[in-house]
Amino acid sequence: MGSLTVSGREVPCGEARWKTRQTGAGVLHVFTPASEFAPGASVRFYDPVTGECVFDGFVFTSEQSEEGIWLTAYDRLRYLMYRDTKVFSGKTAAEIIREICGERGLPVGDIEENGRKIASLIADNRPLLDMIRLALEQSRLLGGEAMSFFDDRGKLVLKREKSLMLPVKMDGKTLVSSYRFTDDIGTDTYNRVRLIRKNRRSGRRDIFVKENPASIAKWGVLQYCAQVLQSTTDGEIAAMMNEILGQKNRAVHGIEAECTGDSRFRAGTLCQAELGGFSGSCRILEADHRYTSGGHTMKLKLEAV
């Protein structure tokens, strides 16, 4: 069922559940018959087969019963879920991450640059993690590469998504026990882009629109609307609209799968899948691992890329 250390010492480990998702902190729920542990204690959990550390975090909740204690621990992304107000000017997403993590005293590992500077990012009373996600999204719309930000066993890292392809294929022969497909145009699909820029001279708003008529005829108008900075040029706006349509004018093909456990599968990584009539690359949005006396299983939520 894996091994566990709390505050640097090994303790008996019972059933455990480790979950990661792209939009939040990683969490570990684990049972131990050992004595009480206070919130704030450091926790490390190790894969039962490879012995490698898969989770490094801190206890936030402990629930004690006659049999022992259930610990709930979060990784360091949890400390970025508190709110603040910030203004960033002329910085890349990597620079924004370094600034935020430095202020909070959070350790960082490899923070890769994509070279796209964001003219201005204003966040009023928003979680710090939301600010980072927004910076990564803005970088992507400016033509930057897809990036993944996560806690890599004790250090926060930013890596190019394409470098995180797992060396294993998901298929019904060796890994997947059951799966289902979803096709969705209601969550992250847009075929019309409307960008608004305040005109410095007139004080009015300039409206820029680009759409895909064939897609609108098929799905109806699915509009993406946003305000851009006054300093944004017409050429930059045209490039942004092309990038948004290029990324968002498609149905989102999703897969939910129950599989034999493999601790390398975590949110933010990529894998190859060959299931039913689908064959291609997938982004892992959520990974839910269970380690019990009966073995290691996992549930995955993915989308085609």
Foldseek 3Di string as FASTA:
>chain_A
DWWKDKLHHTFDWAKKKWKFFQQAWIKMKTWGQDDDDDWFIWMWTADPPPRHTLATFTFDDWDADPRGIITMTTHPRNVQQFWDWDKDAFAALLVLVCVVCVVVVAAADAEDGQPDTDGMDTDDGGRRSVSSVVRQVVSVLLVTARWGWHQRHRHIYIGGQVVQEDPDEAECPAKFVDKDKDWACPPQAFFKEWEWAQAPPPRHIDIDIDGDVVLCVVPNGDYDYDYDYNPQDPVSVVSSVVSSNVPHHGIKMKMKTKTADDSSDHASHKYFYDYDPDTAIKGWRMKMWIQHPVHIMIITIITGD
